[in-house]
Amino acid sequence: MEGTLFVNGFLSYLVVYFIFIATVVIAFVIGFSLRKSKNAKTGTTETVAAEGSGSEKENGGQ
């Protein structure tokens, strides 16, 4: 009887753990997609910074 109680407790803990992990993964996916769409609307700062550093190299750093 004690063995089944342990298995039931362990399985319920495991289900809660997987639900928590799934919630975190879903939150990251939603956050990543929202940030990606926001960057697409406003233009990314990485491309602007890369273009700026390239023009400085062409002008000899002036």
PDB file of N, CA and C in Angstrom:
ATOM      1  N   MET A   1       0.828  -1.201   0.000  1.00  0.00           N
ATOM      2  CA  MET A   1       0.000   0.000   0.000  1.00  0.00           C
ATOM      3  C   MET A   1       0.870   1.262   0.000  1.00  0.00           C
ATOM      4  N   GLU A   2       1.964   1.237   0.764  1.00  0.00           N
ATOM      5  CA  GLU A   2       2.819   2.419   0.828  1.00  0.00           C
ATOM      6  C   GLU A   2       3.504   2.687  -0.505  1.00  0.00           C
ATOM      7  N   GLY A   3       3.800   1.637  -1.247  1.00  0.00           N
ATOM      8  CA  GLY A   3       4.435   1.804  -2.551  1.00  0.00           C
ATOM      9  C   GLY A   3       3.537   2.527  -3.535  1.00  0.00           C
ATOM     10  N   THR A   4       2.258   2.224  -3.533  1.00  0.00           N
ATOM     11  CA  THR A   4       1.336   2.892  -4.454  1.00  0.00           C
ATOM     12  C   THR A   4       1.145   4.352  -4.069  1.00  0.00           C
ATOM     13  N   LEU A   5       1.177   4.645  -2.772  1.00  0.00           N
ATOM     14  CA  LEU A   5       1.072   6.037  -2.348  1.00  0.00           C
ATOM     15  C   LEU A   5       2.281   6.834  -2.819  1.00  0.00           C
ATOM     16  N   PHE A   6       3.461   6.205  -2.739  1.00  0.00           N
ATOM     17  CA  PHE A   6       4.668   6.875  -3.207  1.00  0.00           C
ATOM     18  C   PHE A   6       4.596   7.125  -4.711  1.00  0.00           C
ATOM     19  N   VAL A   7       4.161   6.119  -5.460  1.00  0.00           N
ATOM     20  CA  VAL A   7       4.073   6.258  -6.915  1.00  0.00           C
ATOM     21  C   VAL A   7       3.055   7.327  -7.275  1.00  0.00           C
ATOM     22  N   ASN A   8       1.926   7.365  -6.614  1.00  0.00           N
ATOM     23  CA  ASN A   8       0.911   8.379  -6.901  1.00  0.00           C
ATOM     24  C   ASN A   8       1.432   9.776  -6.579  1.00  0.00           C
ATOM     25  N   GLY A   9       2.114   9.926  -5.458  1.00  0.00           N
ATOM     26  CA  GLY A   9       2.681  11.222  -5.091  1.00  0.00           C
ATOM     27  C   GLY A   9       3.757  11.653  -6.068  1.00  0.00           C
ATOM     28  N   PHE A  10       4.595  10.713  -6.466  1.00  0.00           N
ATOM     29  CA  PHE A  10       5.661  11.030  -7.418  1.00  0.00           C
ATOM     30  C   PHE A  10       5.088  11.416  -8.770  1.00  0.00           C
ATOM     31  N   LEU A  11       4.095  10.687  -9.243  1.00  0.00           N
ATOM     32  CA  LEU A  11       3.496  11.003 -10.544  1.00  0.00           C
ATOM     33  C   LEU A  11       2.777  12.349 -10.516  1.00  0.00           C
ATOM     34  N   SER A  12       2.110  12.678  -9.424  1.00  0.00           N
ATOM     35  CA  SER A  12       1.439  13.970  -9.347  1.00  0.00           C
ATOM     36  C   SER A  12       2.465  15.105  -9.315  1.00  0.00           C
ATOM     37  N   TYR A  13       3.584  14.897  -8.616  1.00  0.00           N
ATOM     38  CA  TYR A  13       4.660  15.885  -8.609  1.00  0.00           C
ATOM     39  C   TYR A  13       5.238  16.040 -10.006  1.00  0.00           C
ATOM     40  N   LEU A  14       5.423  14.927 -10.708  1.00  0.00           N
ATOM     41  CA  LEU A  14       5.978  14.945 -12.053  1.00  0.00           C
ATOM     42  C   LEU A  14       5.048  15.682 -13.015  1.00  0.00           C
ATOM     43  N   VAL A  15       3.748  15.489 -12.892  1.00  0.00           N
ATOM     44  CA  VAL A  15       2.779  16.187 -13.747  1.00  0.00           C
ATOM     45  C   VAL A  15       2.843  17.689 -13.491  1.00  0.00           C
ATOM     46  N   VAL A  16       2.903  18.095 -12.247  1.00  0.00           N
ATOM     47  CA  VAL A  16       2.989  19.523 -11.916  1.00  0.00           C
ATOM     48  C   VAL A  16       4.292  20.107 -12.447  1.00  0.00           C
ATOM     49  N   TYR A  17       5.382  19.359 -12.348  1.00  0.00           N
ATOM     50  CA  TYR A  17       6.680  19.810 -12.845  1.00  0.00           C
ATOM     51  C   TYR A  17       6.629  20.016 -14.353  1.00  0.00           C
ATOM     52  N   PHE A  18       6.046  19.062 -15.091  1.00  0.00           N
ATOM     53  CA  PHE A  18       5.942  19.197 -16.546  1.00  0.00           C
ATOM     54  C   PHE A  18       5.025  20.353 -16.949  1.00  0.00           C
ATOM     55  N   ILE A  19       3.962  20.583 -16.199  1.00  0.00           N
ATOM     56  CA  ILE A  19       3.082  21.725 -16.484  1.00  0.00           C
ATOM     57  C   ILE A  19       3.837  23.026 -16.273  1.00  0.00           C
ATOM     58  N   PHE A  20       4.649  23.112 -15.219  1.00  0.00           N
ATOM     59  CA  PHE A  20       5.446  24.308 -14.950  1.00  0.00           C
ATOM     60  C   PHE A  20       6.449  24.550 -16.071  1.00  0.00           C
ATOM     61  N   ILE A  21       7.153  23.511 -16.492  1.00  0.00           N
ATOM     62  CA  ILE A  21       8.136  23.636 -17.566  1.00  0.00           C
ATOM     63  C   ILE A  21       7.451  24.035 -18.870  1.00  0.00           C
ATOM     64  N   ALA A  22       6.304  23.446 -19.172  1.00  0.00           N
ATOM     65  CA  ALA A  22       5.575  23.788 -20.393  1.00  0.00           C
ATOM     66  C   ALA A  22       5.126  25.245 -20.366  1.00  0.00           C
ATOM     67  N   THR A  23       4.711  25.737 -19.199  1.00  0.00           N
ATOM     68  CA  THR A  23       4.303  27.132 -19.071  1.00  0.00           C
ATOM     69  C   THR A  23       5.477  28.070 -19.329  1.00  0.00           C
ATOM     70  N   VAL A  24       6.644  27.728 -18.819  1.00  0.00           N
ATOM     71  CA  VAL A  24       7.831  28.552 -19.039  1.00  0.00           C
ATOM     72  C   VAL A  24       8.214  28.557 -20.519  1.00  0.00           C
ATOM     73  N   VAL A  25       8.179  27.412 -21.160  1.00  0.00           N
ATOM     74  CA  VAL A  25       8.516  27.325 -22.581  1.00  0.00           C
ATOM     75  C   VAL A  25       7.531  28.136 -23.419  1.00  0.00           C
ATOM     76  N   ILE A  26       6.252  28.033 -23.121  1.00  0.00           N
ATOM     77  CA  ILE A  26       5.240  28.794 -23.851  1.00  0.00           C
ATOM     78  C   ILE A  26       5.447  30.289 -23.646  1.00  0.00           C
ATOM     79  N   ALA A  27       5.795  30.698 -22.436  1.00  0.00           N
ATOM     80  CA  ALA A  27       6.045  32.118 -22.167  1.00  0.00           C
ATOM     81  C   ALA A  27       7.232  32.621 -22.981  1.00  0.00           C
ATOM     82  N   PHE A  28       8.296  31.830 -23.078  1.00  0.00           N
ATOM     83  CA  PHE A  28       9.457  32.224 -23.880  1.00  0.00           C
ATOM     84  C   PHE A  28       9.104  32.327 -25.353  1.00  0.00           C
ATOM     85  N   VAL A  29       8.316  31.391 -25.859  1.00  0.00           N
ATOM     86  CA  VAL A  29       7.928  31.416 -27.272  1.00  0.00           C
ATOM     87  C   VAL A  29       7.070  32.641 -27.569  1.00  0.00           C
ATOM     88  N   ILE A  30       6.123  32.940 -26.694  1.00  0.00           N
ATOM     89  CA  ILE A  30       5.272  34.113 -26.890  1.00  0.00           C
ATOM     90  C   ILE A  30       6.104  35.388 -26.803  1.00  0.00           C
ATOM     91  N   GLY A  31       6.985  35.481 -25.827  1.00  0.00           N
ATOM     92  CA  GLY A  31       7.830  36.662 -25.690  1.00  0.00           C
ATOM     93  C   GLY A  31       8.749  36.847 -26.877  1.00  0.00           C
ATOM     94  N   PHE A  32       9.311  35.769 -27.382  1.00  0.00           N
ATOM     95  CA  PHE A  32      10.209  35.848 -28.536  1.00  0.00           C
ATOM     96  C   PHE A  32       9.446  36.304 -29.775  1.00  0.00           C
ATOM     97  N   SER A  33       8.238  35.769 -29.983  1.00  0.00           N
ATOM     98  CA  SER A  33       7.472  36.164 -31.165  1.00  0.00           C
ATOM     99  C   SER A  33       6.998  37.610 -31.067  1.00  0.00           C
ATOM    100  N   LEU A  34       6.630  38.062 -29.861  1.00  0.00           N
ATOM    101  CA  LEU A  34       6.230  39.461 -29.698  1.00  0.00           C
ATOM    102  C   LEU A  34       7.397  40.401 -29.944  1.00  0.00           C
ATOM    103  N   ARG A  35       8.580  40.060 -29.429  1.00  0.00           N
ATOM    104  CA  ARG A  35       9.761  40.894 -29.642  1.00  0.00           C
ATOM    105  C   ARG A  35      10.144  40.908 -31.110  1.00  0.00           C
ATOM    106  N   LYS A  36      10.020  39.774 -31.780  1.00  0.00           N
ATOM    107  CA  LYS A  36      10.368  39.695 -33.194  1.00  0.00           C
ATOM    108  C   LYS A  36       9.430  40.565 -34.030  1.00  0.00           C
ATOM    109  N   SER A  37       8.136  40.531 -33.726  1.00  0.00           N
ATOM    110  CA  SER A  37       7.193  41.358 -34.480  1.00  0.00           C
ATOM    111  C   SER A  37       7.389  42.842 -34.172  1.00  0.00           C
ATOM    112  N   LYS A  38       7.743  43.177 -32.920  1.00  0.00           N
ATOM    113  CA  LYS A  38       7.998  44.570 -32.566  1.00  0.00           C
ATOM    114  C   LYS A  38       9.236  45.088 -33.291  1.00  0.00           C
ATOM    115  N   ASN A  39      10.288  44.273 -33.360  1.00  0.00           N
ATOM    116  CA  ASN A  39      11.497  44.672 -34.078  1.00  0.00           C
ATOM    117  C   ASN A  39      11.233  44.823 -35.573  1.00  0.00           C
ATOM    118  N   ALA A  40      10.361  43.988 -36.120  1.00  0.00           N
ATOM    119  CA  ALA A  40      10.047  44.086 -37.540  1.00  0.00           C
ATOM    120  C   ALA A  40       9.302  45.384 -37.841  1.00  0.00           C
ATOM    121  N   LYS A  41       8.462  45.840 -36.911  1.00  0.00           N
ATOM    122  CA  LYS A  41       7.712  47.081 -37.123  1.00  0.00           C
ATOM    123  C   LYS A  41       8.619  48.311 -37.025  1.00  0.00           C
ATOM    124  N   THR A  42       9.506  48.335 -36.030  1.00  0.00           N
ATOM    125  CA  THR A  42      10.310  49.531 -35.775  1.00  0.00           C
ATOM    126  C   THR A  42      11.676  49.490 -36.435  1.00  0.00           C
ATOM    127  N   GLY A  43      12.100  48.350 -36.918  1.00  0.00           N
ATOM    128  CA  GLY A  43      13.450  48.216 -37.464  1.00  0.00           C
ATOM    129  C   GLY A  43      14.389  47.841 -36.350  1.00  0.00           C
ATOM    130  N   THR A  44      15.253  46.891 -36.595  1.00  0.00           N
ATOM    131  CA  THR A  44      16.121  46.408 -35.527  1.00  0.00           C
ATOM    132  C   THR A  44      17.298  47.345 -35.323  1.00  0.00           C
ATOM    133  N   THR A  45      17.766  47.420 -34.100  1.00  0.00           N
ATOM    134  CA  THR A  45      18.925  48.263 -33.789  1.00  0.00           C
ATOM    135  C   THR A  45      20.216  47.586 -34.213  1.00  0.00           C
ATOM    136  N   GLU A  46      20.216  46.251 -34.338  1.00  0.00           N
ATOM    137  CA  GLU A  46      21.437  45.560 -34.726  1.00  0.00           C
ATOM    138  C   GLU A  46      21.840  45.914 -36.153  1.00  0.00           C
ATOM    139  N   THR A  47      20.868  46.007 -37.072  1.00  0.00           N
ATOM    140  CA  THR A  47      21.213  46.315 -38.459  1.00  0.00           C
ATOM    141  C   THR A  47      21.677  47.759 -38.583  1.00  0.00           C
ATOM    142  N   VAL A  48      21.074  48.669 -37.827  1.00  0.00           N
ATOM    143  CA  VAL A  48      21.490  50.066 -37.869  1.00  0.00           C
ATOM    144  C   VAL A  48      22.901  50.195 -37.311  1.00  0.00           C
ATOM    145  N   ALA A  49      23.197  49.510 -36.221  1.00  0.00           N
ATOM    146  CA  ALA A  49      24.523  49.576 -35.619  1.00  0.00           C
ATOM    147  C   ALA A  49      25.565  48.964 -36.554  1.00  0.00           C
ATOM    148  N   ALA A  50      25.223  47.899 -37.238  1.00  0.00           N
ATOM    149  CA  ALA A  50      26.174  47.263 -38.147  1.00  0.00           C
ATOM    150  C   ALA A  50      26.454  48.167 -39.345  1.00  0.00           C
ATOM    151  N   GLU A  51      25.440  48.849 -39.854  1.00  0.00           N
ATOM    152  CA  GLU A  51      25.637  49.761 -40.979  1.00  0.00           C
ATOM    153  C   GLU A  51      26.481  50.961 -40.553  1.00  0.00           C
ATOM    154  N   GLY A  52      26.269  51.453 -39.339  1.00  0.00           N
ATOM    155  CA  GLY A  52      27.024  52.599 -38.850  1.00  0.00           C
ATOM    156  C   GLY A  52      28.496  52.268 -38.671  1.00  0.00           C
ATOM    157  N   SER A  53      28.791  51.096 -38.143  1.00  0.00           N
ATOM    158  CA  SER A  53      30.195  50.747 -37.939  1.00  0.00           C
ATOM    159  C   SER A  53      30.883  50.491 -39.270  1.00  0.00           C
ATOM    160  N   GLY A  54      30.156  50.019 -40.270  1.00  0.00           N
ATOM    161  CA  GLY A  54      30.750  49.796 -41.580  1.00  0.00           C
ATOM    162  C   GLY A  54      31.116  51.091 -42.265  1.00  0.00           C
ATOM    163  N   SER A  55      30.295  52.134 -42.109  1.00  0.00           N
ATOM    164  CA  SER A  55      30.603  53.415 -42.749  1.00  0.00           C
ATOM    165  C   SER A  55      31.785  54.095 -42.064  1.00  0.00           C
ATOM    166  N   GLU A  56      31.961  53.870 -40.760  1.00  0.00           N
ATOM    167  CA  GLU A  56      33.113  54.449 -40.073  1.00  0.00           C
ATOM    168  C   GLU A  56      34.415  53.828 -40.573  1.00  0.00           C
ATOM    169  N   LYS A  57      34.389  52.566 -40.883  1.00  0.00           N
ATOM    170  CA  LYS A  57      35.597  51.887 -41.359  1.00  0.00           C
ATOM    171  C   LYS A  57      35.975  52.405 -42.754  1.00  0.00           C
ATOM    172  N   GLU A  58      34.954  52.675 -43.568  1.00  0.00           N
ATOM    173  CA  GLU A  58      35.223  53.152 -44.922  1.00  0.00           C
ATOM    174  C   GLU A  58      35.816  54.559 -44.896  1.00  0.00           C
ATOM    175  N   ASN A  59      35.421  55.386 -43.952  1.00  0.00           N
ATOM    176  CA  ASN A  59      35.893  56.776 -43.878  1.00  0.00           C
ATOM    177  C   ASN A  59      37.197  56.897 -43.097  1.00  0.00           C
ATOM    178  N   GLY A  60      37.768  55.804 -42.705  1.00  0.00           N
ATOM    179  CA  GLY A  60      39.016  55.861 -41.964  1.00  0.00           C
ATOM    180  C   GLY A  60      38.837  56.268 -40.507  1.00  0.00           C
ATOM    181  N   GLY A  61      37.622  56.069 -39.953  1.00  0.00           N
ATOM    182  CA  GLY A  61      37.369  56.383 -38.552  1.00  0.00           C
ATOM    183  C   GLY A  61      37.126  57.851 -38.282  1.00  0.00           C
ATOM    184  N   GLN A  62      36.888  58.641 -39.304  1.00  0.00           N
ATOM    185  CA  GLN A  62      36.665  60.090 -39.110  1.00  0.00           C
ATOM    186  C   GLN A  62      35.231  60.402 -38.863  1.00  0.00           C
TER     187      GLN A  62
END
